[in-house]
Protein backbone atom coordinates (compact mmCIF):
# COMPACT_ATOMS: atom_id res chain seq x y z
CA MET A 1 26.01 1.01 -12.52
CA LEU A 2 24.89 -0.06 -9.03
CA GLU A 3 27.75 -1.83 -7.30
CA ILE A 4 27.16 -4.48 -4.64
CA SER A 5 29.85 -5.63 -2.25
CA GLY A 6 30.16 -7.57 0.99
CA THR A 7 29.34 -4.42 2.95
CA THR A 8 26.13 -3.65 1.05
CA LYS A 9 22.91 -3.78 3.05
CA ILE A 10 20.33 -5.77 1.08
CA PHE A 11 16.57 -5.15 1.14
CA PRO A 12 14.53 -7.76 -0.75
CA VAL A 13 11.13 -6.86 -2.17
CA ILE A 14 9.11 -10.07 -2.29
CA GLY A 15 6.09 -10.69 -4.48
CA TRP A 16 4.27 -13.29 -6.56
CA PRO A 17 4.45 -11.95 -9.21
CA VAL A 18 7.17 -9.36 -8.70
CA GLU A 19 7.49 -7.85 -12.17
CA GLN A 20 5.24 -4.92 -11.25
CA VAL A 21 7.21 -3.63 -8.26
CA LYS A 22 8.70 -0.12 -8.39
CA ALA A 23 10.65 -0.15 -5.11
CA PRO A 24 13.94 -1.28 -6.70
CA ILE A 25 14.20 1.58 -9.18
CA LEU A 26 12.97 4.18 -6.69
CA PHE A 27 15.11 3.22 -3.69
CA ASN A 28 18.21 2.19 -5.64
CA THR A 29 18.18 5.57 -7.37
CA TYR A 30 17.88 7.25 -3.97
CA PHE A 31 20.68 5.14 -2.46
CA LYS A 32 23.00 5.85 -5.39
CA ARG A 33 22.32 9.60 -5.36
CA HIS A 34 23.06 9.83 -1.64
CA GLY A 35 26.02 7.45 -1.55
CA ILE A 36 24.28 4.89 0.65
CA ASP A 37 25.69 1.36 0.51
CA ALA A 38 22.31 -0.38 0.26
CA ARG A 39 20.32 -2.03 -2.54
CA VAL A 40 16.77 -3.24 -3.09
CA VAL A 41 16.51 -6.59 -4.88
CA PRO A 42 13.26 -8.13 -6.22
CA LEU A 43 12.58 -11.76 -5.29
CA LYS A 44 9.77 -13.85 -6.78
CA ILE A 45 8.66 -16.28 -4.08
CA ALA A 46 5.55 -18.46 -4.13
CA PRO A 47 3.06 -18.23 -1.26
CA ASP A 48 3.81 -21.71 0.08
CA ALA A 49 7.50 -20.82 0.47
CA TYR A 50 7.02 -17.27 1.73
CA ALA A 51 7.07 -17.64 5.53
CA ALA A 52 10.19 -19.80 5.48
CA ALA A 53 11.87 -17.34 3.10
CA VAL A 54 11.16 -14.44 5.47
CA ARG A 55 12.72 -16.25 8.43
CA MET A 56 15.75 -17.25 6.39
CA LEU A 57 16.30 -13.78 4.91
CA MET A 58 15.86 -11.99 8.23
CA ALA A 59 18.52 -14.26 9.74
CA VAL A 60 21.04 -13.01 7.17
CA GLU A 61 23.28 -10.37 8.77
CA ASN A 62 23.38 -8.00 5.81
CA VAL A 63 19.64 -8.11 5.09
CA GLY A 64 18.21 -4.97 6.64
CA GLY A 65 14.52 -5.52 5.99
CA ILE A 66 11.91 -6.66 3.50
CA PHE A 67 9.48 -4.80 1.28
CA VAL A 68 6.35 -6.99 0.99
CA SER A 69 4.30 -7.00 -2.22
CA ILE A 70 1.23 -8.92 -3.38
CA PRO A 71 -0.06 -11.40 -2.30
CA HIS A 72 2.12 -11.83 0.78
CA LYS A 73 0.99 -8.97 3.02
CA PRO A 74 -1.62 -10.96 5.00
CA ALA A 75 0.73 -13.93 5.39
CA SER A 76 3.41 -11.62 6.81
CA VAL A 77 1.49 -11.29 10.08
CA GLY A 78 2.30 -14.91 10.91
CA ALA A 79 5.83 -14.77 9.52
CA VAL A 80 7.20 -12.20 12.01
CA ASP A 81 7.66 -12.10 15.78
CA VAL A 82 5.87 -8.82 16.54
CA VAL A 83 3.33 -6.80 14.54
CA SER A 84 2.37 -3.17 14.99
CA ALA A 85 -1.12 -2.24 16.15
CA ARG A 86 -2.15 -1.04 12.68
CA ALA A 87 -0.82 -4.21 11.07
CA ALA A 88 -2.72 -6.35 13.58
CA LEU A 89 -5.93 -4.41 12.94
CA ALA A 90 -5.65 -4.69 9.17
CA GLY A 91 -4.29 -8.23 9.28
CA ALA A 92 -1.36 -7.48 6.99
CA CYS A 93 2.22 -6.18 6.87
CA ASN A 94 4.13 -4.56 4.03
CA ALA A 95 7.36 -3.77 5.86
CA ILE A 96 9.47 -6.26 7.81
CA TYR A 97 12.50 -5.12 9.78
CA LYS A 98 14.84 -6.08 12.60
CA GLY A 99 14.33 -4.83 16.12
CA PRO A 100 16.53 -5.14 19.20
CA GLU A 101 18.15 -8.52 19.80
CA GLY A 102 17.12 -9.78 16.38
CA VAL A 103 13.36 -9.62 16.94
CA VAL A 104 11.58 -9.52 13.56
CA HIS A 105 8.90 -6.82 13.36
CA GLY A 106 6.12 -6.27 10.86
CA ASP A 107 4.36 -2.99 10.12
CA LEU A 108 1.81 -1.76 7.61
CA ILE A 109 2.49 1.67 6.11
CA ASP A 110 0.42 1.52 2.91
CA GLY A 111 -2.47 3.26 4.62
CA GLU A 112 -0.36 6.12 5.97
CA GLY A 113 1.22 6.50 2.55
CA PHE A 114 -2.21 6.61 0.92
CA ILE A 115 -3.52 9.27 3.32
CA ARG A 116 -0.42 11.44 2.93
CA ALA A 117 -0.79 11.23 -0.84
CA PHE A 118 -4.51 12.00 -0.53
CA ASP A 119 -3.76 15.09 1.51
CA ARG A 120 -1.13 16.31 -0.94
CA THR A 121 -2.75 15.53 -4.30
CA CYS A 122 -6.46 15.66 -3.54
CA GLY A 123 -6.80 18.26 -0.79
CA GLY A 124 -7.49 15.73 1.92
CA ALA A 125 -7.23 18.36 4.65
CA ALA A 126 -10.36 20.01 3.21
CA PHE A 127 -12.19 16.75 2.50
CA PRO A 128 -15.56 16.49 4.32
CA TRP A 129 -14.53 13.55 6.47
CA GLU A 130 -17.50 13.80 8.86
CA GLN A 131 -19.96 13.51 5.96
CA GLY A 132 -17.81 11.56 3.50
CA ARG A 133 -18.60 8.17 1.96
CA ALA A 134 -15.80 5.90 0.76
CA LEU A 135 -15.66 2.62 -1.13
CA VAL A 136 -12.58 0.39 -0.95
CA VAL A 137 -12.54 -2.43 -3.50
CA GLY A 138 -10.22 -5.25 -2.48
CA SER A 139 -9.58 -6.54 1.04
CA GLY A 140 -6.05 -7.85 0.61
CA GLY A 141 -3.07 -6.17 2.22
CA VAL A 142 -3.43 -2.80 0.47
CA GLY A 143 -7.20 -2.75 0.82
CA CYS A 144 -6.98 -3.48 4.54
CA ALA A 145 -4.44 -0.71 5.01
CA VAL A 146 -6.37 1.91 3.01
CA ALA A 147 -9.68 1.04 4.66
CA ALA A 148 -8.15 1.27 8.14
CA ALA A 149 -6.50 4.59 7.31
CA LEU A 150 -9.75 6.10 6.04
CA ALA A 151 -11.58 4.93 9.17
CA ALA A 152 -8.82 6.30 11.39
CA ARG A 153 -9.17 9.65 9.64
CA GLY A 154 -12.83 9.73 10.66
CA ILE A 155 -14.75 9.15 7.45
CA ALA A 156 -18.48 8.86 8.12
CA ARG A 157 -19.23 5.83 5.96
CA LEU A 158 -16.86 3.17 4.66
CA ASP A 159 -17.88 0.24 2.49
CA VAL A 160 -15.56 -2.66 1.70
CA CYS A 161 -16.00 -4.82 -1.37
CA ASP A 162 -14.32 -8.08 -2.32
CA ASN A 163 -15.41 -11.23 -4.14
CA ARG A 164 -13.92 -13.09 -1.17
CA ALA A 165 -16.95 -12.37 0.99
CA ASP A 166 -15.64 -13.92 4.21
CA GLN A 167 -12.42 -11.91 4.04
CA ALA A 168 -14.27 -8.65 3.42
CA ALA A 169 -16.70 -9.39 6.26
CA ALA A 170 -13.86 -10.09 8.66
CA LEU A 171 -12.22 -6.77 7.79
CA ARG A 172 -15.51 -4.98 8.22
CA SER A 173 -15.95 -6.46 11.70
CA ARG A 174 -12.45 -5.49 12.82
CA LEU A 175 -12.81 -1.95 11.54
CA GLN A 176 -16.27 -1.44 13.02
CA ALA A 177 -15.03 -2.54 16.43
CA ALA A 178 -11.95 -0.32 16.24
CA TYR A 179 -13.69 2.76 14.82
CA PRO A 180 -17.29 2.93 16.13
CA GLY A 181 -17.61 6.49 14.83
CA THR A 182 -17.47 5.22 11.26
CA VAL A 183 -20.29 3.16 9.80
CA VAL A 184 -18.53 0.23 8.11
CA GLY A 185 -20.43 -1.88 5.62
CA LEU A 186 -20.07 -4.24 2.70
CA GLY A 187 -20.55 -2.69 -0.71
CA ARG A 188 -20.59 -3.43 -4.42
CA PRO A 189 -17.91 -2.28 -6.91
CA VAL A 190 -20.03 0.64 -8.07
CA ALA A 191 -18.83 4.23 -7.65
CA GLU A 192 -22.21 5.94 -7.71
CA GLY A 193 -23.01 7.66 -4.41
CA TYR A 194 -19.47 7.81 -3.05
CA ASP A 195 -17.11 10.73 -2.46
CA VAL A 196 -13.95 8.63 -2.79
CA VAL A 197 -13.45 5.19 -4.35
CA VAL A 198 -10.22 3.22 -4.20
CA ASN A 199 -9.12 0.24 -6.26
CA CYS A 200 -6.96 -2.04 -4.15
CA THR A 201 -7.19 -5.08 -6.42
CA PRO A 202 -4.62 -6.26 -8.99
CA LEU A 203 -7.02 -5.33 -11.80
CA GLY A 204 -5.35 -2.61 -13.82
CA MET A 205 -1.90 -4.19 -13.97
CA HIS A 206 -2.60 -5.09 -17.60
CA THR A 207 -4.12 -2.92 -20.31
CA ASP A 208 -6.83 -5.48 -21.11
CA ASP A 209 -8.00 -5.93 -17.51
CA PRO A 210 -11.69 -5.28 -16.86
CA LEU A 211 -12.58 -2.23 -14.81
CA PRO A 212 -12.50 -3.08 -11.09
CA ILE A 213 -15.11 -0.41 -10.32
CA ASP A 214 -18.21 0.53 -12.33
CA LEU A 215 -18.02 4.29 -12.90
CA ARG A 216 -21.50 4.72 -14.34
CA GLY A 217 -23.35 7.34 -12.34
CA VAL A 218 -20.23 8.59 -10.53
CA ASP A 219 -20.34 12.22 -9.47
CA ALA A 220 -17.67 14.46 -10.99
CA ALA A 221 -16.76 15.54 -7.45
CA CYS A 222 -15.76 11.99 -6.56
CA ILE A 223 -12.06 11.24 -6.07
CA VAL A 224 -10.98 8.01 -7.76
CA ALA A 225 -7.75 6.35 -6.61
CA ASP A 226 -5.91 3.30 -7.90
CA CYS A 227 -3.17 1.72 -5.80
CA GLY A 228 -1.68 -0.19 -8.74
CA MET A 229 1.88 0.62 -9.74
CA LYS A 230 2.61 -1.25 -12.96
CA ILE A 231 0.66 1.18 -15.17
CA GLU A 232 0.79 4.80 -14.04
CA THR A 233 -2.58 5.90 -15.43
CA THR A 234 -4.74 2.80 -15.37
CA ARG A 235 -7.88 2.44 -17.44
CA LEU A 236 -9.91 3.16 -14.30
CA LEU A 237 -8.09 6.45 -13.72
CA ALA A 238 -8.30 7.47 -17.37
CA GLU A 239 -12.04 6.88 -17.47
CA ALA A 240 -12.50 8.69 -14.15
CA GLN A 241 -10.64 11.71 -15.51
CA ALA A 242 -12.81 11.66 -18.61
CA ARG A 243 -15.84 11.92 -16.32
CA GLY A 244 -14.36 14.96 -14.57
CA CYS A 245 -13.20 13.20 -11.41
CA ARG A 246 -9.97 13.97 -9.60
CA ILE A 247 -7.62 10.99 -9.47
CA GLN A 248 -4.81 9.65 -7.32
CA LYS A 249 -2.17 7.42 -8.89
CA GLY A 250 -0.54 4.49 -7.15
CA LYS A 251 2.89 6.04 -7.47
CA GLU A 252 1.82 8.88 -5.17
CA MET A 253 1.19 6.40 -2.36
CA MET A 254 4.59 4.80 -2.97
CA ILE A 255 6.39 8.14 -2.88
CA GLU A 256 4.68 9.22 0.35
CA GLN A 257 5.39 5.97 2.17
CA SER A 258 9.01 5.78 1.04
CA PRO A 259 10.27 7.86 4.00
CA LEU A 260 8.29 5.56 6.31
CA TYR A 261 10.15 2.53 4.93
CA LEU A 262 13.48 4.29 5.45
CA GLU A 263 12.57 5.20 9.02
CA LEU A 264 11.80 1.57 9.85
CA PHE A 265 14.99 0.45 8.10
CA GLY A 266 17.21 2.89 10.00
CA TRP A 267 17.21 6.21 8.09
CA PRO A 268 14.73 8.56 9.80
CA GLY A 269 13.92 12.10 8.79
CA VAL A 270 13.94 11.81 4.98
CA PRO A 271 11.19 13.95 3.37
CA ALA A 272 8.94 12.61 0.63
CA SER A 273 10.14 15.46 -1.58
CA ALA A 274 13.50 13.67 -1.83
CA PHE A 275 11.73 10.83 -3.66
CA ARG A 276 9.52 13.06 -5.80
CA ALA A 277 12.70 14.80 -7.01
CA LEU A 278 14.04 11.52 -8.41
CA GLU A 279 11.41 11.45 -11.20
CA VAL A 280 11.91 7.74 -11.91
CA LEU A 281 8.33 6.50 -11.42
């Protein structure tokens, strides 16, 4: 049983919907195992109430920070006082925390979590970044973060795809200006011709969802990643495996960025292995 008292530090995870989030079980298990008086609590808040909810929650003394889930990551940029450089570039935040004198900060650590997971599970250190071609499908908060992280790593070609054409084009422009060494374009949700493809859309949260990326013609050497968390091995990942591709599950990104959340929230130096050892995802 997880006890909560007046001394407990509370960390909301806010989404719309919020049923898919894994942060509560992961972090609450970690807090309990290490005797930390803190708890993560899921809150389902509609987009039109989100900014006001952030300001109210961050004014509460025993709220230590906020985990941001879909679809609120882009809106978080305008809901905080200060955003990090990577959050400003991507136009989204997934971590909100208190700075000195009550200043509310926003950061985006999805991309760093994705890259760390990519290095660990898919041999990212040996990936041919200077010749590599990547496709990121979805230009919401996660898609922005992953696309920016791939460009920062030095991938040669990066295509962004989203049915919200204006949003994808805006991300493309920001990334091209920030990373002139990477050719940034607008693509289609088709895996053929790419070395790594990443689903950053909500498609895959349900077993009957259509495939977010067409895998016909994909090379077996391609790495297929899905950032979804509700289903561990999504239909996209299962079909990619059947075609001989290596895959990266969404939970790997969550595990790798968990220490980054703790560092922002006041507990630096925790290794990702501490979260992998929990075996709750």
